[in-house]
Amino acid sequence: MKKNFVAIILALFSISCYANTIEQIISQNEIRIGVRNNYPPFSKFDGHEFTGFEVEFAKEIAKKIAPNAKITLVGLNAKDRIPFLNENKIDMAVAQFSVSPDREKYVDFTMPYFALYKALVTEKSRNIKAISQLTGGKILAIKGTGSRKYIEKNFNGSIVDCENLLDCFEKLKNNEADGYFHSIFALASIPIIDNKYEISVKNAGQTSFVSVGVDKGNESLKAAINRAILELSKEGFFKTAYDQTLGVYYKGTLDKKLFLLDDIYNFFSDN
């Protein structure tokens, strides 16, 4: 009897943690999307609502794949993305989620919607032009990010952990490290806010690509999102959303042609 009870509990647990297919999402009339808590201008929660480029993108995807479903936005940090998907707390993550072989062991990714460059910000007065100039020093990086993994492999010095953009910037200002390493989008606002700093290295390592994450094996949902991305590109969503969010935030200092992937989408649409 006890064995049967345990078996039932385990079965219920496995069902509860299994990812929702697109058919189940439509049937349940709700789609849960993970977005970053504090990653402006991609996503930010002001205490009442989420705003930003990825928030608008997430909503448009939801409208395409489940037009009548309730859209529930779930705030998360970088380290939450994989466990939230695996534990079925969210259906998808639209959360500056760059594709990597390590992550692909646990989750699946859609076609990318953004190109991403890793960068380093330091004080202007130091005239840093390469990460190697900080050898033996300290660099700030956020746990659970591709930037952190890159620094672990390519920097001969100490890594100082920080939680989010605000925390990292505060630690940089407090001289707890010599530089802050992250995506260029995370760093580009710092010189605008405080001209004491500059983007010292604008493109470290290989270009990464940001995609929507879904739980491993959820092929139906991934396919639906891919179709939505192509449709949104045809409708001009990415250029418009960039101009209205990222373009305004960065005051035109970043060229959208470097980051948007509409030319790639055109290839898929034409073939």
C-alpha atoms as a PDB file:
ATOM      1  CA  MET A   1       0.000   0.000   0.000  1.00  0.00           C
ATOM      2  CA  LYS A   2       2.788   2.350   0.948  1.00  0.00           C
ATOM      3  CA  LYS A   3       4.617   1.598  -2.319  1.00  0.00           C
ATOM      4  CA  ASN A   4       1.483   2.377  -4.308  1.00  0.00           C
ATOM      5  CA  PHE A   5       1.077   5.686  -2.479  1.00  0.00           C
ATOM      6  CA  VAL A   6       4.685   6.663  -3.215  1.00  0.00           C
ATOM      7  CA  ALA A   7       4.235   5.708  -6.870  1.00  0.00           C
ATOM      8  CA  ILE A   8       1.135   7.892  -7.140  1.00  0.00           C
ATOM      9  CA  ILE A   9       2.915  10.866  -5.552  1.00  0.00           C
ATOM     10  CA  LEU A  10       5.877  10.476  -7.915  1.00  0.00           C
ATOM     11  CA  ALA A  11       3.565  10.242 -10.897  1.00  0.00           C
ATOM     12  CA  LEU A  12       1.715  13.377  -9.881  1.00  0.00           C
ATOM     13  CA  PHE A  13       5.007  15.196  -9.343  1.00  0.00           C
ATOM     14  CA  SER A  14       6.312  14.232 -12.774  1.00  0.00           C
ATOM     15  CA  ILE A  15       3.086  15.400 -14.419  1.00  0.00           C
ATOM     16  CA  SER A  16       3.096  18.712 -12.560  1.00  0.00           C
ATOM     17  CA  CYS A  17       6.674  19.436 -13.676  1.00  0.00           C
ATOM     18  CA  TYR A  18       6.192  18.448 -17.312  1.00  0.00           C
ATOM     19  CA  ALA A  19       6.230  21.355 -19.740  1.00  0.00           C
ATOM     20  CA  ASN A  20       2.988  22.542 -21.297  1.00  0.00           C
ATOM     21  CA  THR A  21       2.696  21.990 -25.038  1.00  0.00           C
ATOM     22  CA  ILE A  22       1.180  24.701 -27.214  1.00  0.00           C
ATOM     23  CA  GLU A  23      -2.051  22.679 -27.268  1.00  0.00           C
ATOM     24  CA  GLN A  24      -2.157  22.607 -23.461  1.00  0.00           C
ATOM     25  CA  ILE A  25      -1.428  26.330 -23.232  1.00  0.00           C
ATOM     26  CA  ILE A  26      -4.341  27.083 -25.552  1.00  0.00           C
ATOM     27  CA  SER A  27      -6.584  24.655 -23.658  1.00  0.00           C
ATOM     28  CA  GLN A  28      -5.677  26.143 -20.261  1.00  0.00           C
ATOM     29  CA  ASN A  29      -6.108  29.650 -21.682  1.00  0.00           C
ATOM     30  CA  GLU A  30      -2.948  30.972 -20.006  1.00  0.00           C
ATOM     31  CA  ILE A  31       0.634  31.452 -21.128  1.00  0.00           C
ATOM     32  CA  ARG A  32       3.366  32.084 -18.546  1.00  0.00           C
ATOM     33  CA  ILE A  33       6.411  33.966 -19.781  1.00  0.00           C
ATOM     34  CA  GLY A  34       9.582  34.560 -17.792  1.00  0.00           C
ATOM     35  CA  VAL A  35      11.110  38.035 -18.194  1.00  0.00           C
ATOM     36  CA  ARG A  36      13.963  39.707 -16.345  1.00  0.00           C
ATOM     37  CA  ASN A  37      13.172  41.646 -13.174  1.00  0.00           C
ATOM     38  CA  ASN A  38      15.766  44.347 -13.681  1.00  0.00           C
ATOM     39  CA  TYR A  39      17.397  44.436 -17.106  1.00  0.00           C
ATOM     40  CA  PRO A  40      16.403  47.743 -18.715  1.00  0.00           C
ATOM     41  CA  PRO A  41      15.652  48.503 -21.471  1.00  0.00           C
ATOM     42  CA  PHE A  42      14.834  44.858 -22.208  1.00  0.00           C
ATOM     43  CA  SER A  43      12.713  44.315 -19.132  1.00  0.00           C
ATOM     44  CA  LYS A  44      12.097  46.093 -15.867  1.00  0.00           C
ATOM     45  CA  PHE A  45       9.476  45.792 -13.140  1.00  0.00           C
ATOM     46  CA  ASP A  46       8.529  49.129 -11.575  1.00  0.00           C
ATOM     47  CA  GLY A  47       6.369  47.661  -8.813  1.00  0.00           C
ATOM     48  CA  HIS A  48       3.238  47.671 -10.947  1.00  0.00           C
ATOM     49  CA  GLU A  49       4.112  46.372 -14.400  1.00  0.00           C
ATOM     50  CA  PHE A  50       6.899  45.116 -16.655  1.00  0.00           C
ATOM     51  CA  THR A  51       8.142  47.321 -19.488  1.00  0.00           C
ATOM     52  CA  GLY A  52      10.843  47.011 -22.136  1.00  0.00           C
ATOM     53  CA  PHE A  53      11.779  45.510 -25.494  1.00  0.00           C
ATOM     54  CA  GLU A  54      11.528  41.878 -24.398  1.00  0.00           C
ATOM     55  CA  VAL A  55       8.272  42.516 -22.569  1.00  0.00           C
ATOM     56  CA  GLU A  56       6.680  43.832 -25.759  1.00  0.00           C
ATOM     57  CA  PHE A  57       8.210  40.957 -27.716  1.00  0.00           C
ATOM     58  CA  ALA A  58       6.861  38.398 -25.226  1.00  0.00           C
ATOM     59  CA  LYS A  59       3.363  39.839 -25.438  1.00  0.00           C
ATOM     60  CA  GLU A  60       3.405  39.798 -29.237  1.00  0.00           C
ATOM     61  CA  ILE A  61       4.548  36.166 -29.290  1.00  0.00           C
ATOM     62  CA  ALA A  62       1.717  35.258 -26.923  1.00  0.00           C
ATOM     63  CA  LYS A  63      -0.840  36.988 -29.132  1.00  0.00           C
ATOM     64  CA  LYS A  64       0.427  35.043 -32.141  1.00  0.00           C
ATOM     65  CA  ILE A  65       0.534  31.552 -30.649  1.00  0.00           C
ATOM     66  CA  ALA A  66      -2.353  31.718 -28.170  1.00  0.00           C
ATOM     67  CA  PRO A  67      -4.536  34.713 -29.152  1.00  0.00           C
ATOM     68  CA  ASN A  68      -7.144  34.331 -26.423  1.00  0.00           C
ATOM     69  CA  ALA A  69      -4.895  33.202 -23.580  1.00  0.00           C
ATOM     70  CA  LYS A  70      -4.177  35.220 -20.462  1.00  0.00           C
ATOM     71  CA  ILE A  71      -0.578  36.492 -20.514  1.00  0.00           C
ATOM     72  CA  THR A  72       1.163  36.035 -17.162  1.00  0.00           C
ATOM     73  CA  LEU A  73       4.599  37.639 -16.906  1.00  0.00           C
ATOM     74  CA  VAL A  74       6.875  36.033 -14.316  1.00  0.00           C
ATOM     75  CA  GLY A  75       9.859  38.030 -13.082  1.00  0.00           C
ATOM     76  CA  LEU A  76      13.168  36.201 -12.831  1.00  0.00           C
ATOM     77  CA  ASN A  77      16.921  36.646 -12.673  1.00  0.00           C
ATOM     78  CA  ALA A  78      19.572  35.021 -14.882  1.00  0.00           C
ATOM     79  CA  LYS A  79      20.078  32.006 -12.609  1.00  0.00           C
ATOM     80  CA  ASP A  80      16.309  31.280 -12.547  1.00  0.00           C
ATOM     81  CA  ARG A  81      15.804  30.723 -16.272  1.00  0.00           C
ATOM     82  CA  ILE A  82      16.693  27.039 -16.585  1.00  0.00           C
ATOM     83  CA  PRO A  83      15.116  25.846 -13.300  1.00  0.00           C
ATOM     84  CA  PHE A  84      11.906  27.805 -13.936  1.00  0.00           C
ATOM     85  CA  LEU A  85      11.555  26.090 -17.322  1.00  0.00           C
ATOM     86  CA  ASN A  86      12.474  22.635 -16.027  1.00  0.00           C
ATOM     87  CA  GLU A  87      10.095  22.934 -13.059  1.00  0.00           C
ATOM     88  CA  ASN A  88       7.228  24.154 -15.286  1.00  0.00           C
ATOM     89  CA  LYS A  89       6.967  27.487 -13.500  1.00  0.00           C
ATOM     90  CA  ILE A  90       6.976  29.197 -16.897  1.00  0.00           C
ATOM     91  CA  ASP A  91       6.224  28.098 -20.454  1.00  0.00           C
ATOM     92  CA  MET A  92       8.971  30.147 -22.072  1.00  0.00           C
ATOM     93  CA  ALA A  93      11.786  32.503 -21.114  1.00  0.00           C
ATOM     94  CA  VAL A  94      12.160  35.777 -23.007  1.00  0.00           C
ATOM     95  CA  ALA A  95      14.946  36.927 -20.770  1.00  0.00           C
ATOM     96  CA  GLN A  96      18.248  37.781 -22.511  1.00  0.00           C
ATOM     97  CA  PHE A  97      18.820  34.036 -22.827  1.00  0.00           C
ATOM     98  CA  SER A  98      21.850  33.452 -25.048  1.00  0.00           C
ATOM     99  CA  VAL A  99      22.358  30.069 -26.676  1.00  0.00           C
ATOM    100  CA  SER A 100      25.245  27.905 -25.455  1.00  0.00           C
ATOM    101  CA  PRO A 101      26.102  24.177 -25.592  1.00  0.00           C
ATOM    102  CA  ASP A 102      25.909  23.931 -21.793  1.00  0.00           C
ATOM    103  CA  ARG A 103      22.408  25.400 -21.682  1.00  0.00           C
ATOM    104  CA  GLU A 104      21.231  23.235 -24.569  1.00  0.00           C
ATOM    105  CA  LYS A 105      21.712  20.197 -22.330  1.00  0.00           C
ATOM    106  CA  TYR A 106      18.777  21.371 -20.208  1.00  0.00           C
ATOM    107  CA  VAL A 107      16.548  23.546 -22.397  1.00  0.00           C
ATOM    108  CA  ASP A 108      15.721  24.095 -26.060  1.00  0.00           C
ATOM    109  CA  PHE A 109      16.063  27.387 -27.905  1.00  0.00           C
ATOM    110  CA  THR A 110      14.062  28.915 -30.731  1.00  0.00           C
ATOM    111  CA  MET A 111      15.643  30.719 -33.653  1.00  0.00           C
ATOM    112  CA  PRO A 112      17.483  33.792 -32.326  1.00  0.00           C
ATOM    113  CA  TYR A 113      15.954  37.249 -32.187  1.00  0.00           C
ATOM    114  CA  PHE A 114      19.037  39.248 -31.233  1.00  0.00           C
ATOM    115  CA  ALA A 115      22.807  39.255 -31.740  1.00  0.00           C
ATOM    116  CA  LEU A 116      24.753  39.825 -28.548  1.00  0.00           C
ATOM    117  CA  TYR A 117      28.276  41.101 -27.955  1.00  0.00           C
ATOM    118  CA  LYS A 118      30.243  40.758 -24.734  1.00  0.00           C
ATOM    119  CA  ALA A 119      31.928  43.922 -23.532  1.00  0.00           C
ATOM    120  CA  LEU A 120      33.940  45.469 -20.708  1.00  0.00           C
ATOM    121  CA  VAL A 121      33.371  48.801 -18.979  1.00  0.00           C
ATOM    122  CA  THR A 122      36.112  50.552 -16.991  1.00  0.00           C
ATOM    123  CA  GLU A 123      37.074  54.047 -15.914  1.00  0.00           C
ATOM    124  CA  LYS A 124      38.186  56.239 -18.830  1.00  0.00           C
ATOM    125  CA  SER A 125      41.291  57.341 -16.964  1.00  0.00           C
ATOM    126  CA  ARG A 126      42.688  53.804 -17.058  1.00  0.00           C
ATOM    127  CA  ASN A 127      42.737  53.717 -20.873  1.00  0.00           C
ATOM    128  CA  ILE A 128      41.991  49.987 -21.014  1.00  0.00           C
ATOM    129  CA  LYS A 129      41.813  48.484 -24.519  1.00  0.00           C
ATOM    130  CA  ALA A 130      42.014  44.754 -23.758  1.00  0.00           C
ATOM    131  CA  ILE A 131      40.899  42.457 -20.947  1.00  0.00           C
ATOM    132  CA  SER A 132      44.492  41.259 -20.593  1.00  0.00           C
ATOM    133  CA  GLN A 133      45.432  44.712 -19.259  1.00  0.00           C
ATOM    134  CA  LEU A 134      43.508  43.844 -16.094  1.00  0.00           C
ATOM    135  CA  THR A 135      45.493  40.638 -15.474  1.00  0.00           C
ATOM    136  CA  GLY A 136      45.834  40.102 -11.736  1.00  0.00           C
ATOM    137  CA  GLY A 137      42.971  42.489 -11.052  1.00  0.00           C
ATOM    138  CA  LYS A 138      39.246  42.055 -10.440  1.00  0.00           C
ATOM    139  CA  ILE A 139      36.296  41.949 -12.830  1.00  0.00           C
ATOM    140  CA  LEU A 140      32.602  42.019 -11.930  1.00  0.00           C
ATOM    141  CA  ALA A 141      30.308  39.406 -13.502  1.00  0.00           C
ATOM    142  CA  ILE A 142      26.819  38.039 -12.843  1.00  0.00           C
ATOM    143  CA  LYS A 143      26.406  34.373 -11.914  1.00  0.00           C
ATOM    144  CA  GLY A 144      24.549  32.220 -14.422  1.00  0.00           C
ATOM    145  CA  THR A 145      25.441  34.373 -17.438  1.00  0.00           C
ATOM    146  CA  GLY A 146      27.462  33.565 -20.535  1.00  0.00           C
ATOM    147  CA  SER A 147      29.616  36.572 -19.685  1.00  0.00           C
ATOM    148  CA  ARG A 148      30.598  35.003 -16.375  1.00  0.00           C
ATOM    149  CA  LYS A 149      31.594  31.740 -18.071  1.00  0.00           C
ATOM    150  CA  TYR A 150      33.667  33.619 -20.641  1.00  0.00           C
ATOM    151  CA  ILE A 151      35.569  35.485 -17.930  1.00  0.00           C
ATOM    152  CA  GLU A 152      36.179  32.262 -15.993  1.00  0.00           C
ATOM    153  CA  LYS A 153      37.954  30.815 -19.039  1.00  0.00           C
ATOM    154  CA  ASN A 154      39.665  33.908 -20.410  1.00  0.00           C
ATOM    155  CA  PHE A 155      40.652  36.160 -17.508  1.00  0.00           C
ATOM    156  CA  ASN A 156      43.707  35.678 -15.329  1.00  0.00           C
ATOM    157  CA  GLY A 157      42.469  37.417 -12.213  1.00  0.00           C
ATOM    158  CA  SER A 158      39.669  37.447  -9.648  1.00  0.00           C
ATOM    159  CA  ILE A 159      35.947  37.473 -10.407  1.00  0.00           C
ATOM    160  CA  VAL A 160      33.692  39.513  -8.147  1.00  0.00           C
ATOM    161  CA  ASP A 161      30.076  38.328  -8.074  1.00  0.00           C
ATOM    162  CA  CYS A 162      27.195  40.746  -8.465  1.00  0.00           C
ATOM    163  CA  GLU A 163      23.447  40.104  -8.722  1.00  0.00           C
ATOM    164  CA  ASN A 164      22.110  42.466 -11.388  1.00  0.00           C
ATOM    165  CA  LEU A 165      22.914  45.624 -13.333  1.00  0.00           C
ATOM    166  CA  LEU A 166      22.329  47.984 -10.435  1.00  0.00           C
ATOM    167  CA  ASP A 167      24.319  45.888  -7.978  1.00  0.00           C
ATOM    168  CA  CYS A 168      27.208  45.546 -10.437  1.00  0.00           C
ATOM    169  CA  PHE A 169      27.318  49.265 -11.182  1.00  0.00           C
ATOM    170  CA  GLU A 170      27.266  50.138  -7.481  1.00  0.00           C
ATOM    171  CA  LYS A 171      30.180  47.786  -6.824  1.00  0.00           C
ATOM    172  CA  LEU A 172      32.077  49.255  -9.754  1.00  0.00           C
ATOM    173  CA  LYS A 173      31.568  52.784  -8.401  1.00  0.00           C
ATOM    174  CA  ASN A 174      32.693  51.601  -4.959  1.00  0.00           C
ATOM    175  CA  ASN A 175      35.963  50.364  -6.493  1.00  0.00           C
ATOM    176  CA  GLU A 176      35.263  46.741  -5.593  1.00  0.00           C
ATOM    177  CA  ALA A 177      36.594  45.742  -9.013  1.00  0.00           C
ATOM    178  CA  ASP A 178      38.565  47.164 -11.927  1.00  0.00           C
ATOM    179  CA  GLY A 179      35.894  46.522 -14.534  1.00  0.00           C
ATOM    180  CA  TYR A 180      32.453  45.084 -15.210  1.00  0.00           C
ATOM    181  CA  PHE A 181      32.031  42.443 -17.929  1.00  0.00           C
ATOM    182  CA  HIS A 182      28.652  41.717 -19.501  1.00  0.00           C
ATOM    183  CA  SER A 183      26.724  42.121 -22.746  1.00  0.00           C
ATOM    184  CA  ILE A 184      27.169  45.469 -24.451  1.00  0.00           C
ATOM    185  CA  PHE A 185      23.471  46.175 -23.879  1.00  0.00           C
ATOM    186  CA  ALA A 186      23.928  45.795 -20.156  1.00  0.00           C
ATOM    187  CA  LEU A 187      26.902  48.139 -20.154  1.00  0.00           C
ATOM    188  CA  ALA A 188      26.085  50.766 -22.792  1.00  0.00           C
ATOM    189  CA  SER A 189      23.952  52.829 -20.418  1.00  0.00           C
ATOM    190  CA  ILE A 190      26.750  53.246 -17.866  1.00  0.00           C
ATOM    191  CA  PRO A 191      28.770  55.869 -19.828  1.00  0.00           C
ATOM    192  CA  ILE A 192      25.509  57.711 -20.506  1.00  0.00           C
ATOM    193  CA  ILE A 193      24.717  57.822 -16.785  1.00  0.00           C
ATOM    194  CA  ASP A 194      28.281  58.561 -15.667  1.00  0.00           C
ATOM    195  CA  ASN A 195      30.859  59.809 -18.199  1.00  0.00           C
ATOM    196  CA  LYS A 196      33.635  58.766 -15.855  1.00  0.00           C
ATOM    197  CA  TYR A 197      33.280  55.328 -17.477  1.00  0.00           C
ATOM    198  CA  GLU A 198      33.637  54.011 -21.018  1.00  0.00           C
ATOM    199  CA  ILE A 199      33.110  50.808 -22.975  1.00  0.00           C
ATOM    200  CA  SER A 200      36.747  49.723 -23.121  1.00  0.00           C
ATOM    201  CA  VAL A 201      36.211  46.478 -25.045  1.00  0.00           C
ATOM    202  CA  LYS A 202      33.166  46.392 -27.329  1.00  0.00           C
ATOM    203  CA  ASN A 203      33.290  42.836 -28.661  1.00  0.00           C
ATOM    204  CA  ALA A 204      35.071  40.125 -26.691  1.00  0.00           C
ATOM    205  CA  GLY A 205      35.009  36.566 -27.972  1.00  0.00           C
ATOM    206  CA  GLN A 206      32.444  35.181 -30.378  1.00  0.00           C
ATOM    207  CA  THR A 207      29.109  36.839 -31.051  1.00  0.00           C
ATOM    208  CA  SER A 208      26.285  35.205 -29.098  1.00  0.00           C
ATOM    209  CA  PHE A 209      22.656  34.959 -30.099  1.00  0.00           C
ATOM    210  CA  VAL A 210      19.674  35.537 -27.835  1.00  0.00           C
ATOM    211  CA  SER A 211      16.709  33.193 -28.211  1.00  0.00           C
ATOM    212  CA  VAL A 212      13.488  32.258 -26.485  1.00  0.00           C
ATOM    213  CA  GLY A 213      14.030  29.327 -24.137  1.00  0.00           C
ATOM    214  CA  VAL A 214      11.554  26.458 -23.689  1.00  0.00           C
ATOM    215  CA  ASP A 215      11.791  23.242 -21.714  1.00  0.00           C
ATOM    216  CA  LYS A 216      13.801  20.420 -23.254  1.00  0.00           C
ATOM    217  CA  GLY A 217      11.797  18.468 -25.815  1.00  0.00           C
ATOM    218  CA  ASN A 218       8.897  20.920 -26.097  1.00  0.00           C
ATOM    219  CA  GLU A 219       8.971  20.859 -29.899  1.00  0.00           C
ATOM    220  CA  SER A 220       5.400  22.025 -30.502  1.00  0.00           C
ATOM    221  CA  LEU A 221       5.867  25.208 -28.489  1.00  0.00           C
ATOM    222  CA  LYS A 222       9.266  25.906 -30.053  1.00  0.00           C
ATOM    223  CA  ALA A 223       7.826  25.539 -33.562  1.00  0.00           C
ATOM    224  CA  ALA A 224       4.927  27.873 -32.745  1.00  0.00           C
ATOM    225  CA  ILE A 225       7.304  30.526 -31.401  1.00  0.00           C
ATOM    226  CA  ASN A 226       9.543  30.239 -34.475  1.00  0.00           C
ATOM    227  CA  ARG A 227       6.559  30.879 -36.732  1.00  0.00           C
ATOM    228  CA  ALA A 228       5.602  33.881 -34.599  1.00  0.00           C
ATOM    229  CA  ILE A 229       9.121  35.342 -34.842  1.00  0.00           C
ATOM    230  CA  LEU A 230       9.066  35.162 -38.645  1.00  0.00           C
ATOM    231  CA  GLU A 231       5.627  36.773 -38.771  1.00  0.00           C
ATOM    232  CA  LEU A 232       6.678  39.572 -36.423  1.00  0.00           C
ATOM    233  CA  SER A 233       9.744  40.268 -38.548  1.00  0.00           C
ATOM    234  CA  LYS A 234       7.615  40.563 -41.692  1.00  0.00           C
ATOM    235  CA  GLU A 235       5.353  43.008 -39.867  1.00  0.00           C
ATOM    236  CA  GLY A 236       8.338  45.197 -38.919  1.00  0.00           C
ATOM    237  CA  PHE A 237       7.975  44.575 -35.194  1.00  0.00           C
ATOM    238  CA  PHE A 238      11.677  44.347 -34.338  1.00  0.00           C
ATOM    239  CA  LYS A 239      12.730  47.623 -35.963  1.00  0.00           C
ATOM    240  CA  THR A 240       9.783  49.499 -34.480  1.00  0.00           C
ATOM    241  CA  ALA A 241      10.231  48.036 -30.996  1.00  0.00           C
ATOM    242  CA  TYR A 242      13.970  48.741 -31.100  1.00  0.00           C
ATOM    243  CA  ASP A 243      13.406  52.395 -31.992  1.00  0.00           C
ATOM    244  CA  GLN A 244      10.776  52.820 -29.269  1.00  0.00           C
ATOM    245  CA  THR A 245      12.721  51.136 -26.461  1.00  0.00           C
ATOM    246  CA  LEU A 246      16.426  50.479 -27.001  1.00  0.00           C
ATOM    247  CA  GLY A 247      16.942  53.385 -29.390  1.00  0.00           C
ATOM    248  CA  VAL A 248      15.477  55.848 -26.899  1.00  0.00           C
ATOM    249  CA  TYR A 249      17.266  54.331 -23.904  1.00  0.00           C
ATOM    250  CA  TYR A 250      20.721  54.345 -25.481  1.00  0.00           C
ATOM    251  CA  LYS A 251      20.161  57.718 -27.164  1.00  0.00           C
ATOM    252  CA  GLY A 252      21.190  56.393 -30.569  1.00  0.00           C
ATOM    253  CA  THR A 253      24.646  55.265 -29.441  1.00  0.00           C
ATOM    254  CA  LEU A 254      24.111  51.663 -30.654  1.00  0.00           C
ATOM    255  CA  ASP A 255      23.375  50.836 -34.304  1.00  0.00           C
ATOM    256  CA  LYS A 256      20.394  48.477 -34.540  1.00  0.00           C
ATOM    257  CA  LYS A 257      21.798  46.941 -37.746  1.00  0.00           C
ATOM    258  CA  LEU A 258      24.416  45.184 -35.617  1.00  0.00           C
ATOM    259  CA  PHE A 259      21.841  43.456 -33.428  1.00  0.00           C
ATOM    260  CA  LEU A 260      18.610  42.825 -35.353  1.00  0.00           C
ATOM    261  CA  LEU A 261      18.316  39.663 -37.463  1.00  0.00           C
ATOM    262  CA  ASP A 262      15.652  40.559 -40.032  1.00  0.00           C
ATOM    263  CA  ASP A 263      17.964  39.672 -42.939  1.00  0.00           C
ATOM    264  CA  ILE A 264      18.271  36.131 -41.587  1.00  0.00           C
ATOM    265  CA  TYR A 265      14.497  35.866 -41.186  1.00  0.00           C
ATOM    266  CA  ASN A 266      14.052  36.950 -44.806  1.00  0.00           C
ATOM    267  CA  PHE A 267      16.162  33.982 -45.880  1.00  0.00           C
ATOM    268  CA  PHE A 268      13.919  31.556 -43.975  1.00  0.00           C
ATOM    269  CA  SER A 269      10.790  33.206 -45.331  1.00  0.00           C
ATOM    270  CA  ASP A 270      11.997  33.038 -48.939  1.00  0.00           C
ATOM    271  CA  ASN A 271      13.165  29.409 -48.842  1.00  0.00           C
END
